[in-house]
Amino acid sequence: MNAVNTVFGRTNENGDVVVFDESGEVCTRLDANVYPVGSQLSARYEHAEGIVISAADAEKLGIALDD
């Protein structure tokens, strides 16, 4: 599980934030109390396709955006 301070995000075409780990791979679990867009499971659970969160949640968590 990735800690919030070890990840970064990129904004997708919908304005949401795709979360990546330090190696540049999509993050599939995140140690944070947020729910990925369209999911009923928190980011603490495995999301095999990667975690996408709202821009507001990314800002609240302090996730740096990489353009």
N, C-alpha and C. Protein backbone atom coordinates (compact mmCIF):
# COMPACT_ATOMS: atom_id res chain seq x y z
N MET A 1 0.86 -1.17 0.00
CA MET A 1 0.00 0.00 0.00
C MET A 1 0.90 1.23 0.00
N ASN A 2 0.61 2.16 -0.89
CA ASN A 2 1.41 3.37 -1.01
C ASN A 2 0.96 4.45 -0.04
N ALA A 3 1.92 5.12 0.57
CA ALA A 3 1.62 6.28 1.41
C ALA A 3 1.37 7.48 0.50
N VAL A 4 0.54 8.39 0.95
CA VAL A 4 0.19 9.57 0.14
C VAL A 4 1.42 10.38 -0.25
N ASN A 5 2.42 10.46 0.63
CA ASN A 5 3.59 11.28 0.32
C ASN A 5 4.57 10.60 -0.64
N THR A 6 4.24 9.40 -1.13
CA THR A 6 5.13 8.71 -2.07
C THR A 6 4.51 8.58 -3.46
N VAL A 7 3.40 9.26 -3.70
CA VAL A 7 2.72 9.16 -4.99
C VAL A 7 2.61 10.53 -5.64
N PHE A 8 2.25 10.51 -6.93
CA PHE A 8 1.96 11.75 -7.65
C PHE A 8 0.78 11.48 -8.56
N GLY A 9 0.21 12.52 -9.12
CA GLY A 9 -0.95 12.34 -9.96
C GLY A 9 -0.84 13.05 -11.28
N ARG A 10 -1.64 12.60 -12.23
CA ARG A 10 -1.77 13.25 -13.54
C ARG A 10 -3.25 13.40 -13.83
N THR A 11 -3.63 14.59 -14.28
CA THR A 11 -5.03 14.86 -14.59
C THR A 11 -5.40 14.16 -15.90
N ASN A 12 -6.55 13.48 -15.89
CA ASN A 12 -7.02 12.82 -17.11
C ASN A 12 -7.98 13.72 -17.87
N GLU A 13 -8.53 13.21 -18.96
CA GLU A 13 -9.41 14.02 -19.82
C GLU A 13 -10.71 14.41 -19.13
N ASN A 14 -11.08 13.73 -18.06
CA ASN A 14 -12.30 14.07 -17.31
C ASN A 14 -12.06 15.06 -16.19
N GLY A 15 -10.79 15.44 -15.99
CA GLY A 15 -10.46 16.36 -14.90
C GLY A 15 -10.19 15.67 -13.58
N ASP A 16 -10.23 14.33 -13.58
CA ASP A 16 -9.91 13.56 -12.38
C ASP A 16 -8.41 13.29 -12.36
N VAL A 17 -7.91 12.76 -11.25
CA VAL A 17 -6.47 12.55 -11.08
C VAL A 17 -6.16 11.05 -11.01
N VAL A 18 -5.32 10.61 -11.94
CA VAL A 18 -4.83 9.23 -11.94
C VAL A 18 -3.61 9.22 -11.03
N VAL A 19 -3.55 8.29 -10.08
CA VAL A 19 -2.49 8.25 -9.08
C VAL A 19 -1.42 7.23 -9.50
N PHE A 20 -0.15 7.65 -9.41
CA PHE A 20 1.00 6.82 -9.77
C PHE A 20 1.93 6.68 -8.57
N ASP A 21 2.65 5.55 -8.52
CA ASP A 21 3.63 5.37 -7.46
C ASP A 21 4.98 5.93 -7.89
N GLU A 22 5.97 5.81 -7.03
CA GLU A 22 7.30 6.39 -7.28
C GLU A 22 7.95 5.88 -8.56
N SER A 23 7.65 4.65 -8.94
CA SER A 23 8.26 4.07 -10.13
C SER A 23 7.55 4.47 -11.42
N GLY A 24 6.43 5.18 -11.29
CA GLY A 24 5.68 5.61 -12.47
C GLY A 24 4.57 4.65 -12.87
N GLU A 25 4.40 3.58 -12.09
CA GLU A 25 3.31 2.63 -12.34
C GLU A 25 2.03 3.16 -11.69
N VAL A 26 0.88 2.77 -12.26
CA VAL A 26 -0.37 3.19 -11.63
C VAL A 26 -0.45 2.62 -10.22
N CYS A 27 -0.95 3.40 -9.34
CA CYS A 27 -1.09 3.01 -7.94
C CYS A 27 -2.38 2.21 -7.80
N THR A 28 -2.31 1.03 -7.19
CA THR A 28 -3.49 0.18 -7.05
C THR A 28 -4.06 0.16 -5.63
N ARG A 29 -3.28 0.65 -4.67
CA ARG A 29 -3.75 0.79 -3.28
C ARG A 29 -3.11 2.05 -2.71
N LEU A 30 -3.87 2.77 -1.91
CA LEU A 30 -3.39 4.03 -1.35
C LEU A 30 -3.83 4.12 0.10
N ASP A 31 -2.92 4.48 0.98
CA ASP A 31 -3.21 4.60 2.40
C ASP A 31 -3.86 5.95 2.67
N ALA A 32 -5.14 6.05 2.28
CA ALA A 32 -5.87 7.31 2.45
C ALA A 32 -7.37 7.00 2.53
N ASN A 33 -8.08 7.85 3.21
CA ASN A 33 -9.53 7.68 3.35
C ASN A 33 -10.27 8.41 2.23
N VAL A 34 -10.09 7.92 1.01
CA VAL A 34 -10.79 8.46 -0.15
C VAL A 34 -11.37 7.30 -0.96
N TYR A 35 -12.35 7.63 -1.78
CA TYR A 35 -12.96 6.64 -2.65
C TYR A 35 -12.63 7.01 -4.09
N PRO A 36 -12.06 6.09 -4.85
CA PRO A 36 -11.81 6.36 -6.26
C PRO A 36 -13.12 6.67 -6.99
N VAL A 37 -13.01 7.43 -8.05
CA VAL A 37 -14.17 7.81 -8.85
C VAL A 37 -14.89 6.55 -9.31
N GLY A 38 -16.19 6.49 -9.05
CA GLY A 38 -17.02 5.38 -9.49
C GLY A 38 -16.89 4.10 -8.68
N SER A 39 -16.19 4.13 -7.55
CA SER A 39 -15.99 2.92 -6.76
C SER A 39 -16.68 3.03 -5.41
N GLN A 40 -17.15 1.90 -4.92
CA GLN A 40 -17.73 1.86 -3.58
C GLN A 40 -16.72 1.34 -2.56
N LEU A 41 -15.51 1.02 -3.03
CA LEU A 41 -14.44 0.57 -2.14
C LEU A 41 -13.42 1.68 -1.99
N SER A 42 -12.95 1.88 -0.78
CA SER A 42 -11.96 2.94 -0.55
C SER A 42 -10.65 2.61 -1.25
N ALA A 43 -9.80 3.59 -1.33
CA ALA A 43 -8.49 3.43 -1.98
C ALA A 43 -7.59 2.48 -1.21
N ARG A 44 -7.97 2.13 0.01
CA ARG A 44 -7.18 1.18 0.80
C ARG A 44 -7.32 -0.25 0.27
N TYR A 45 -8.35 -0.50 -0.56
CA TYR A 45 -8.55 -1.81 -1.18
C TYR A 45 -7.86 -1.82 -2.54
N GLU A 46 -7.56 -3.01 -3.03
CA GLU A 46 -6.90 -3.19 -4.32
C GLU A 46 -7.83 -2.74 -5.46
N HIS A 47 -7.29 -1.91 -6.34
CA HIS A 47 -7.98 -1.47 -7.55
C HIS A 47 -7.04 -1.80 -8.71
N ALA A 48 -7.24 -2.97 -9.29
CA ALA A 48 -6.32 -3.51 -10.29
C ALA A 48 -6.10 -2.60 -11.50
N GLU A 49 -7.10 -1.82 -11.85
CA GLU A 49 -6.98 -0.92 -13.00
C GLU A 49 -6.32 0.41 -12.63
N GLY A 50 -6.00 0.60 -11.36
CA GLY A 50 -5.40 1.84 -10.89
C GLY A 50 -6.42 2.71 -10.19
N ILE A 51 -5.90 3.67 -9.45
CA ILE A 51 -6.76 4.55 -8.66
C ILE A 51 -6.89 5.90 -9.36
N VAL A 52 -8.14 6.32 -9.52
CA VAL A 52 -8.47 7.63 -10.08
C VAL A 52 -9.34 8.33 -9.05
N ILE A 53 -8.88 9.49 -8.59
CA ILE A 53 -9.64 10.23 -7.57
C ILE A 53 -10.01 11.60 -8.12
N SER A 54 -10.93 12.26 -7.46
CA SER A 54 -11.33 13.59 -7.90
C SER A 54 -10.19 14.58 -7.66
N ALA A 55 -10.19 15.64 -8.42
CA ALA A 55 -9.17 16.68 -8.24
C ALA A 55 -9.26 17.28 -6.84
N ALA A 56 -10.47 17.40 -6.31
CA ALA A 56 -10.65 17.94 -4.95
C ALA A 56 -10.02 17.02 -3.92
N ASP A 57 -10.20 15.70 -4.07
CA ASP A 57 -9.59 14.76 -3.13
C ASP A 57 -8.07 14.80 -3.24
N ALA A 58 -7.55 14.89 -4.45
CA ALA A 58 -6.10 14.97 -4.64
C ALA A 58 -5.53 16.20 -3.95
N GLU A 59 -6.24 17.31 -4.07
CA GLU A 59 -5.79 18.55 -3.42
C GLU A 59 -5.83 18.41 -1.90
N LYS A 60 -6.91 17.85 -1.37
CA LYS A 60 -7.02 17.65 0.08
C LYS A 60 -5.90 16.78 0.63
N LEU A 61 -5.51 15.75 -0.15
CA LEU A 61 -4.46 14.84 0.28
C LEU A 61 -3.06 15.40 0.03
N GLY A 62 -2.96 16.48 -0.73
CA GLY A 62 -1.66 17.08 -1.02
C GLY A 62 -0.87 16.30 -2.06
N ILE A 63 -1.56 15.61 -2.95
CA ILE A 63 -0.87 14.85 -3.99
C ILE A 63 -0.38 15.81 -5.06
N ALA A 64 0.92 15.76 -5.31
CA ALA A 64 1.53 16.63 -6.32
C ALA A 64 1.10 16.17 -7.71
N LEU A 65 0.79 17.14 -8.57
CA LEU A 65 0.42 16.81 -9.94
C LEU A 65 1.61 16.98 -10.85
N ASP A 66 1.76 16.01 -11.73
CA ASP A 66 2.83 16.00 -12.74
C ASP A 66 2.18 16.20 -14.09
N ASP A 67 2.50 17.29 -14.74
CA ASP A 67 1.89 17.56 -16.05
C ASP A 67 2.66 16.87 -17.07
